[in-house]
Protein backbone atom coordinates (compact mmCIF):
# COMPACT_ATOMS: atom_id res chain seq x y z
CA MET A 1 158.35 127.93 118.64
CA ASN A 2 161.93 129.13 118.22
CA ASN A 3 163.09 132.56 117.14
CA GLU A 4 163.79 131.40 113.57
CA TYR A 5 160.06 130.94 112.85
CA PRO A 6 158.07 133.63 114.68
CA SER A 7 154.47 132.86 115.62
CA GLN A 8 151.65 134.46 113.68
CA LYS A 9 148.16 135.33 114.75
CA VAL A 10 145.49 132.95 113.52
CA SER A 11 141.90 134.12 113.12
CA PHE A 12 138.93 132.33 114.58
CA PHE A 13 137.66 131.52 111.08
CA THR A 14 140.95 129.81 110.18
CA LYS A 15 140.71 127.69 113.32
CA PHE A 16 137.13 126.89 112.37
CA LEU A 17 138.30 125.69 108.94
CA TRP A 18 140.91 123.51 110.62
CA TRP A 19 138.15 122.04 112.76
CA CYS A 20 136.07 121.41 109.61
CA ALA A 21 139.01 119.45 108.19
CA GLY A 22 139.29 117.39 111.38
CA ALA A 23 142.77 118.77 112.12
CA ASP A 24 144.28 119.53 115.52
CA SER A 25 144.82 123.28 115.96
CA TYR A 26 147.35 122.67 118.78
CA PHE A 27 149.86 121.14 116.38
CA LEU A 28 148.93 123.36 113.42
CA LEU A 29 149.80 126.39 115.52
CA ARG A 30 153.28 124.86 115.84
CA SER A 31 153.49 123.97 112.14
CA PRO A 32 154.71 125.98 109.13
CA ILE A 33 152.37 128.00 106.93
CA GLN A 34 152.18 125.27 104.29
CA ASP A 35 150.49 122.84 106.66
CA ARG A 36 148.11 125.50 107.92
CA VAL A 37 147.05 126.46 104.40
CA LYS A 38 146.53 122.82 103.35
CA TYR A 39 144.16 122.02 106.17
CA ALA A 40 142.39 125.38 105.96
CA GLY A 41 141.76 124.66 102.27
CA ILE A 42 140.37 121.20 102.99
CA GLY A 43 138.18 122.61 105.75
CA GLY A 44 136.91 125.33 103.39
CA ILE A 45 135.79 122.69 100.89
CA VAL A 46 133.99 120.73 103.61
CA PHE A 47 132.30 123.88 104.95
CA SER A 48 131.28 125.05 101.47
CA THR A 49 129.79 121.65 100.73
CA GLY A 50 127.67 121.90 103.87
CA ILE A 51 126.41 125.36 102.82
CA LEU A 52 125.49 124.12 99.33
CA ALA A 53 123.81 121.07 100.83
CA THR A 54 121.70 123.39 103.01
CA PHE A 55 120.36 125.25 99.97
CA ALA A 56 119.90 122.02 98.02
CA GLY A 57 117.97 120.41 100.89
CA GLY A 58 115.71 123.45 101.25
CA PHE A 59 114.95 123.53 97.51
CA ALA A 60 114.28 119.79 97.39
CA PHE A 61 112.00 119.87 100.46
CA ASN A 62 109.96 122.81 99.17
CA THR A 63 109.60 121.24 95.70
CA ALA A 64 108.64 117.81 97.00
CA PHE A 65 106.36 118.75 99.89
CA GLY A 66 105.54 122.44 99.45
CA PRO A 67 102.31 123.94 98.05
CA LYS A 68 101.62 123.08 94.42
CA GLY A 69 100.36 125.34 91.64
CA LEU A 70 100.71 126.04 87.95
CA ALA A 71 104.41 126.30 87.17
CA GLY A 72 105.57 129.88 87.38
CA ASP A 73 102.79 131.05 89.73
CA ASP A 74 103.79 132.32 93.16
CA VAL A 75 102.31 129.80 95.62
CA SER A 76 104.81 130.20 98.45
CA ASN A 77 103.77 130.91 102.02
CA ILE A 78 105.69 131.75 105.15
CA GLY A 79 104.94 128.44 106.88
CA TRP A 80 106.39 126.25 104.16
CA THR A 81 109.32 128.64 103.69
CA ILE A 82 110.26 128.27 107.37
CA GLY A 83 109.81 124.50 107.18
CA ALA A 84 112.03 124.27 104.09
CA ALA A 85 114.67 126.42 105.81
CA ILE A 86 114.69 124.19 108.90
CA PHE A 87 114.94 121.04 106.79
CA GLY A 88 117.71 122.60 104.70
CA ILE A 89 119.73 123.47 107.81
CA CYS A 90 119.32 119.93 109.19
CA TRP A 91 120.24 118.39 105.84
CA GLY A 92 123.25 120.68 105.46
CA ALA A 93 124.45 119.80 108.98
CA LEU A 94 124.11 116.09 108.20
CA ILE A 95 126.10 116.35 104.97
CA PHE A 96 128.68 118.57 106.66
CA ASN A 97 129.26 116.02 109.43
CA LEU A 98 129.48 113.16 106.94
CA ASP A 99 132.02 115.04 104.85
CA ARG A 100 134.01 116.03 107.93
CA PHE A 101 134.10 112.42 109.09
CA ILE A 102 135.08 111.14 105.65
CA VAL A 103 137.89 113.66 105.27
CA SER A 104 139.22 113.36 108.82
CA SER A 105 139.18 109.54 108.70
CA THR A 106 141.04 109.41 105.38
CA GLY A 107 144.72 108.81 106.03
CA LYS A 108 147.68 109.87 103.91
CA GLY A 109 148.69 106.37 102.91
CA ASP A 110 152.43 106.21 102.33
CA GLY A 111 152.82 109.99 102.74
CA THR A 112 153.81 110.62 99.11
CA ASP A 113 152.01 112.45 96.29
CA VAL A 114 151.45 109.18 94.37
CA ILE A 115 148.11 107.39 94.83
CA THR A 116 148.84 103.70 94.85
CA LEU A 117 146.33 100.97 94.11
CA LYS A 118 146.33 99.98 97.77
CA GLU A 119 145.55 103.54 98.86
CA PHE A 120 142.76 103.81 96.31
CA GLY A 121 141.26 100.52 97.49
CA GLN A 122 141.31 101.68 101.11
CA ALA A 123 139.62 104.97 100.15
CA LEU A 124 137.04 103.33 97.84
CA PRO A 125 134.20 103.11 100.44
CA ARG A 126 134.64 106.80 101.25
CA LEU A 127 134.70 107.67 97.55
CA ILE A 128 131.44 105.81 96.98
CA ILE A 129 129.75 107.73 99.81
CA ALA A 130 131.14 111.01 98.44
CA LEU A 131 129.82 110.08 94.98
CA ILE A 132 126.31 109.56 96.33
CA LEU A 133 126.43 112.81 98.32
CA GLY A 134 127.66 114.76 95.28
CA ILE A 135 124.75 113.57 93.13
CA THR A 136 122.29 114.29 95.95
CA ILE A 137 123.50 117.87 96.30
CA SER A 138 123.82 118.65 92.58
CA LYS A 139 120.29 117.74 91.45
CA PRO A 140 118.26 120.24 93.53
CA LEU A 141 120.69 123.05 92.67
CA GLU A 142 120.46 122.14 88.99
CA LEU A 143 116.66 122.43 89.19
CA LYS A 144 116.97 125.87 90.79
CA ILE A 145 119.45 127.14 88.22
CA ILE A 146 117.22 126.30 85.24
CA GLU A 147 113.94 126.83 87.10
CA THR A 148 112.60 129.34 84.55
CA GLU A 149 113.04 126.96 81.61
CA ILE A 150 111.57 124.10 83.62
CA ASN A 151 108.51 126.21 84.54
CA VAL A 152 107.77 126.92 80.85
CA GLU A 153 107.81 123.24 79.92
CA LEU A 154 106.03 122.13 83.07
CA ARG A 155 103.22 124.68 82.59
CA LYS A 156 102.61 123.31 79.09
CA LYS A 157 102.33 119.81 80.50
CA GLN A 158 99.99 120.97 83.25
CA GLN A 159 97.69 122.77 80.82
CA GLU A 160 97.63 119.79 78.46
CA LYS A 161 96.83 117.53 81.37
CA MET A 162 94.09 119.86 82.58
CA GLU A 163 92.52 119.91 79.10
CA GLU A 164 92.60 116.12 79.06
CA PHE A 165 90.98 115.96 82.52
CA ASN A 166 88.31 118.50 81.44
CA LYS A 167 87.56 116.51 78.30
CA ASN A 168 87.04 113.32 80.30
CA THR A 169 84.96 115.23 82.87
CA ASP A 170 82.74 116.78 80.15
CA PHE A 171 82.13 113.40 78.55
CA LYS A 172 81.24 111.82 81.90
CA TYR A 173 78.80 114.51 83.07
CA LYS A 174 77.19 115.01 79.67
CA GLN A 175 76.24 111.36 79.63
CA GLU A 176 74.87 111.42 83.18
CA ILE A 177 72.94 114.70 82.65
CA SER A 178 71.54 113.51 79.33
CA LEU A 179 69.98 110.47 81.05
CA ILE A 180 68.39 112.75 83.65
CA ASP A 181 67.16 115.09 80.88
CA VAL A 182 65.47 112.15 79.16
CA ASP A 183 63.44 111.40 82.29
CA ILE A 184 62.59 115.07 82.83
CA THR A 185 61.62 115.51 79.16
CA LYS A 186 59.32 112.48 79.30
CA LEU A 187 57.54 113.82 82.36
CA GLU A 188 57.23 117.28 80.81
CA THR A 189 56.02 115.85 77.50
CA ASP A 190 53.32 113.80 79.20
CA ARG A 191 52.25 116.85 81.18
CA ASN A 192 52.24 119.05 78.08
CA VAL A 193 49.88 116.58 76.38
CA LEU A 194 47.48 116.85 79.30
CA VAL A 195 47.84 120.64 79.41
CA GLN A 196 47.15 120.86 75.68
CA ARG A 197 43.98 118.80 76.08
CA GLN A 198 42.95 121.05 78.96
CA LYS A 199 43.48 124.13 76.80
CA GLU A 200 41.48 122.62 73.96
CA ALA A 201 38.58 121.80 76.31
CA GLU A 202 38.68 125.31 77.74
CA GLN A 203 38.66 126.80 74.24
CA GLU A 204 35.68 124.68 73.18
CA TYR A 205 33.80 125.80 76.30
CA ILE A 206 34.63 129.46 75.58
CA ASP A 207 33.60 129.13 71.93
CA GLN A 208 30.29 127.56 72.94
CA MET A 209 29.58 130.26 75.49
CA GLN A 210 30.36 132.99 72.94
CA GLY A 211 28.32 131.37 70.16
CA ARG A 212 31.18 130.54 67.83
CA SER A 213 30.16 126.87 67.75
CA GLY A 214 26.40 126.78 68.09
CA ASN A 215 23.90 128.77 70.11
CA ALA A 216 25.49 131.17 72.56
CA GLY A 217 24.74 130.87 76.23
CA TYR A 218 24.96 128.25 78.93
CA GLY A 219 22.93 125.38 77.48
CA PRO A 220 23.24 121.60 77.63
CA ARG A 221 26.20 121.64 75.26
CA ALA A 222 28.02 124.29 77.29
CA LYS A 223 27.33 122.39 80.49
CA GLN A 224 28.80 119.26 78.91
CA LEU A 225 31.92 121.16 77.75
CA GLU A 226 32.32 122.67 81.20
CA LEU A 227 32.40 119.22 82.75
CA LEU A 228 34.95 118.14 80.15
CA LYS A 229 37.07 121.25 80.91
CA ASN A 230 36.96 120.54 84.62
CA ASP A 231 37.97 116.91 84.04
CA LYS A 232 40.99 117.98 81.99
CA GLN A 233 42.02 120.48 84.68
CA LYS A 234 41.72 117.73 87.27
CA GLU A 235 43.88 115.40 85.16
CA VAL A 236 46.63 118.04 85.02
CA ALA A 237 46.35 118.67 88.75
CA ASP A 238 46.43 114.92 89.51
CA TYR A 239 49.45 114.47 87.23
CA ASP A 240 51.28 117.31 88.95
CA ALA A 241 50.45 115.84 92.36
CA ARG A 242 51.66 112.36 91.36
CA HIS A 243 54.92 113.46 89.72
CA ALA A 244 55.80 116.60 91.66
CA LEU A 245 58.34 114.87 93.93
CA GLU A 246 59.86 112.88 91.09
CA THR A 247 60.23 115.99 88.93
CA ALA A 248 61.73 118.00 91.78
CA ALA A 249 64.17 115.19 92.59
CA LEU A 250 65.27 114.90 88.96
CA LYS A 251 65.80 118.65 88.68
CA ALA A 252 67.69 118.76 91.98
CA ARG A 253 69.83 115.85 90.83
CA ARG A 254 70.50 117.65 87.57
CA GLY A 255 71.49 120.78 89.49
CA ASP A 256 73.88 118.76 91.68
CA LYS A 257 75.46 117.23 88.61
CA MET A 258 75.93 120.65 87.04
CA ALA A 259 77.53 121.96 90.25
CA ALA A 260 79.80 118.90 90.46
CA TRP A 261 80.70 119.35 86.80
CA GLU A 262 81.70 122.94 87.37
CA ASN A 263 83.63 122.04 90.56
CA ASP A 264 85.56 119.26 88.82
CA ARG A 265 86.54 121.58 85.97
CA ASN A 266 87.48 124.55 88.11
CA ASN A 267 88.91 122.85 91.21
CA VAL A 268 89.51 119.10 91.05
CA ASN A 269 91.03 118.95 87.57
CA LYS A 270 93.09 122.05 88.21
CA LYS A 271 94.38 120.59 91.47
CA GLN A 272 95.33 117.34 89.75
CA ALA A 273 97.18 119.22 87.05
CA GLU A 274 98.96 121.33 89.64
CA ASN A 275 100.09 118.18 91.46
CA LEU A 276 102.32 117.44 88.47
CA ASP A 277 104.63 120.09 89.92
CA GLY A 278 106.71 117.52 91.78
CA LEU A 279 110.40 116.81 92.23
CA LEU A 280 110.47 113.78 89.92
CA GLU A 281 108.65 115.63 87.10
CA ARG A 282 111.06 118.54 87.33
CA ILE A 283 114.07 116.21 87.29
CA GLY A 284 112.70 114.55 84.15
CA ILE A 285 112.21 117.91 82.41
CA ALA A 286 115.67 119.05 83.51
CA ASP A 287 117.20 115.93 81.95
CA ASP A 288 115.33 116.61 78.70
CA ILE A 289 116.20 120.31 78.30
CA GLY A 290 119.48 120.61 80.18
CA ARG A 291 121.23 117.27 80.15
CA GLY A 292 124.62 118.82 79.41
CA LEU A 293 124.28 121.35 82.23
CA GLY A 294 123.17 118.61 84.62
CA ILE A 295 126.21 116.48 83.79
CA ALA A 296 128.51 119.48 84.20
CA LEU A 297 127.02 120.43 87.60
CA THR A 298 127.16 116.83 88.77
CA CYS A 299 130.83 116.59 87.79
CA ILE A 300 131.56 119.86 89.62
CA PHE A 301 129.94 118.68 92.84
CA LEU A 302 131.56 115.26 92.56
CA SER A 303 134.90 117.03 92.32
CA ILE A 304 134.05 119.11 95.40
CA GLU A 305 132.94 116.04 97.35
CA MET A 306 135.69 113.64 96.28
CA GLY A 307 138.49 116.19 95.92
CA PRO A 308 139.50 116.35 99.61
CA ILE A 309 139.83 112.57 99.75
CA PHE A 310 142.17 112.50 96.76
CA PHE A 311 144.05 115.54 98.06
CA LYS A 312 144.71 113.84 101.39
CA MET A 313 146.00 110.71 99.62
CA MET A 314 148.29 112.91 97.48
CA MET A 315 149.59 115.10 100.33
CA ASN A 316 153.18 114.66 101.41
CA LYS A 317 153.72 114.31 105.12
CA GLY A 318 154.72 117.56 106.76
CA PRO A 319 155.80 118.64 110.23
CA TYR A 320 152.20 118.62 111.41
CA ASP A 321 151.74 114.97 110.47
CA TYR A 322 154.96 113.90 112.15
CA MET A 323 154.09 115.83 115.30
CA VAL A 324 150.67 114.16 115.42
CA GLU A 325 152.23 110.71 114.87
CA ASN A 326 154.81 111.40 117.56
CA TYR A 327 152.13 112.47 120.00
CA ASN A 328 150.04 109.40 119.21
CA TYR A 329 153.02 107.07 119.72
CA ARG A 330 153.79 108.76 123.04
CA MET A 331 150.18 108.27 124.09
CA TYR A 332 150.43 104.61 123.14
CA VAL A 333 153.56 104.17 125.23
CA ARG A 334 152.14 106.08 128.19
CA ASN A 335 149.17 103.74 128.16
CA GLY A 336 151.28 100.61 127.81
CA ILE A 337 150.85 100.03 124.07
CA VAL A 338 153.92 99.42 121.88
CA LYS A 339 153.88 98.88 118.12
CA GLU A 340 156.59 96.83 116.45
CA GLU A 341 157.08 96.31 112.73
CA MET A 342 158.22 92.81 111.91
CA ILE A 343 159.12 91.12 108.64
CA PHE A 344 157.77 87.63 107.99
CA GLU A 345 158.50 85.34 105.10
CA GLY A 346 155.48 83.52 103.72
CA ARG A 347 154.49 81.65 100.60
CA ASP A 348 153.94 84.95 98.80
CA GLY A 349 157.29 86.37 99.80
CA MET A 350 158.38 88.81 102.46
CA LYS A 351 155.63 90.63 104.37
CA LEU A 352 155.83 93.60 106.67
CA MET A 353 153.45 93.13 109.58
CA GLU A 354 152.70 95.28 112.57
CA LYS A 355 152.65 93.69 116.00
CA ILE A 356 150.97 95.49 118.86
CA ASN A 357 152.16 94.73 122.37
CA TYR A 358 149.86 95.64 125.24
CA LEU A 359 152.36 95.99 128.10
CA GLU A 360 149.84 96.28 130.92
CA VAL A 361 147.99 93.21 129.64
CA GLU A 362 151.29 91.33 129.36
CA ASN A 363 152.27 92.40 132.87
CA ASP A 364 148.92 91.26 134.26
CA ARG A 365 149.32 87.95 132.46
CA LYS A 366 152.79 87.36 133.90
CA GLU A 367 151.60 88.31 137.37
CA LYS A 368 148.72 85.86 137.09
CA VAL A 369 151.06 83.07 135.92
CA GLU A 370 153.43 83.68 138.86
CA LYS A 371 150.54 83.61 141.31
CA LEU A 372 149.32 80.31 139.91
CA LYS A 373 152.79 78.81 140.12
CA ALA A 374 153.20 79.97 143.74
CA GLN A 375 149.77 78.59 144.61
CA GLU A 376 150.70 75.25 143.03
CA GLU A 377 153.92 75.02 145.11
CA LEU A 378 152.03 75.87 148.30
CA SER A 379 149.43 73.24 147.55
CA LYS A 380 152.12 70.60 146.99
CA LYS A 381 153.82 71.49 150.30
CA ILE A 382 150.52 71.41 152.22
CA ILE A 383 149.64 68.01 150.78
CA GLY A 384 153.15 66.69 151.67
CA VAL A 385 152.90 67.85 155.27
CA TRP A 386 149.39 66.41 155.59
CA SER A 387 150.54 63.10 154.09
CA SER A 388 153.48 62.83 156.52
CA ALA A 389 151.23 63.48 159.51
CA LYS A 390 148.79 60.81 158.39
CA MET A 391 151.56 58.25 157.88
CA LYS A 392 152.81 58.80 161.42
CA ASP A 393 149.31 58.41 162.77
CA ILE A 394 148.81 55.15 160.87
CA ASP A 395 152.13 53.76 162.18
CA ALA A 396 151.06 54.57 165.72
CA ASP A 397 147.62 52.92 165.58
CA ALA A 398 146.48 51.31 162.28
CA SER A 399 143.34 49.87 163.91
CA LYS A 400 141.70 53.30 163.76
CA TYR A 401 141.78 53.11 159.96
CA TYR A 402 140.84 49.44 159.39
CA ARG A 403 137.97 47.12 160.42
CA GLU A 404 137.84 43.48 159.22
CA GLU A 405 134.05 43.27 159.16
CA GLN A 406 133.45 46.52 157.30
CA GLY A 407 136.70 47.12 155.44
CA PRO A 408 138.90 50.19 155.85
CA ALA A 409 137.58 52.79 158.25
CA ASN A 410 136.61 56.11 156.75
CA ASN A 411 138.82 58.33 158.94
CA ALA A 412 140.12 61.50 157.50
């Protein structure tokens, strides 16, 4: 830095925002305030999006997987709260890293504040991802903002559903219990007939003994009535012995049905109604009662998500950008990479194309070609010397290389 632009202290948080924007603090520290503010602003948007995504992820996780209950009742517990917090932090970190990558990988195009069709086409994949992320973040926060109104409507639905479940349960168990009652009533009716006959026989015996139906005392008629009374008592006892297990089983079965009926009404049906408290149901209610608010929130978060991409395409190149480009070009050259812009004329007119020369690769290629050429020359010279030596040897004694019976001798 020169004396005309004195250095200024930069806080740790500002450097953190630069990091969020994917900018290089080394060059920003050597850049004017305008560049510092631009990248701090972009980093602030990325960081804020990650914070909002953390809350949205926690709300969504708790709503989708947390304990269920009648809407409006406090069913939270510390375990699920911690789990939702952990998931929210992980989700927020994921969204933050995606946004940071999207923003940092978005170039400035031609470096002007005009977004051309080519620039928009190059940024389209990033815009689509940002669109999806914006919708994902906005929905859980929308549900939290209008949670009270959603609870009122959802509780009505849960109660209506519970009444419907109870009605079906009552119809089912009434039918089953009525069939059991028919069997029990038949057994009791048959027994009551026998008991009534027993009572009548006992009364006749008592009347005879007391003289209300003939001569009092224990005579032949009384003896006959006593036998009849004993027979009727035995019939009741035999009936009870034969049907005791069946009656007990029917009554136990009826008791089980009554207990199951009560359990279904008080526990099962209530649990099923409470399970309506899910993420999809709440989203549906939110769309019904707060469609305008949902659209507004979605547009806000889409602006937050997609804004940095558009801002980077609209940003004019500043000193920071030129310093980064200069450093990158120097790194290319230091590593043997040189870019050249060349103009070619094709069927569609003049085209500007970029040619990349890899100097070290080119040097290795040339070195390899020279080695091959030298090796070829050496091989030719060796073959020439060998050929001359063989010719002299043949001139001196050709018989070593030729036999009439067997043809030419195989002498190397």
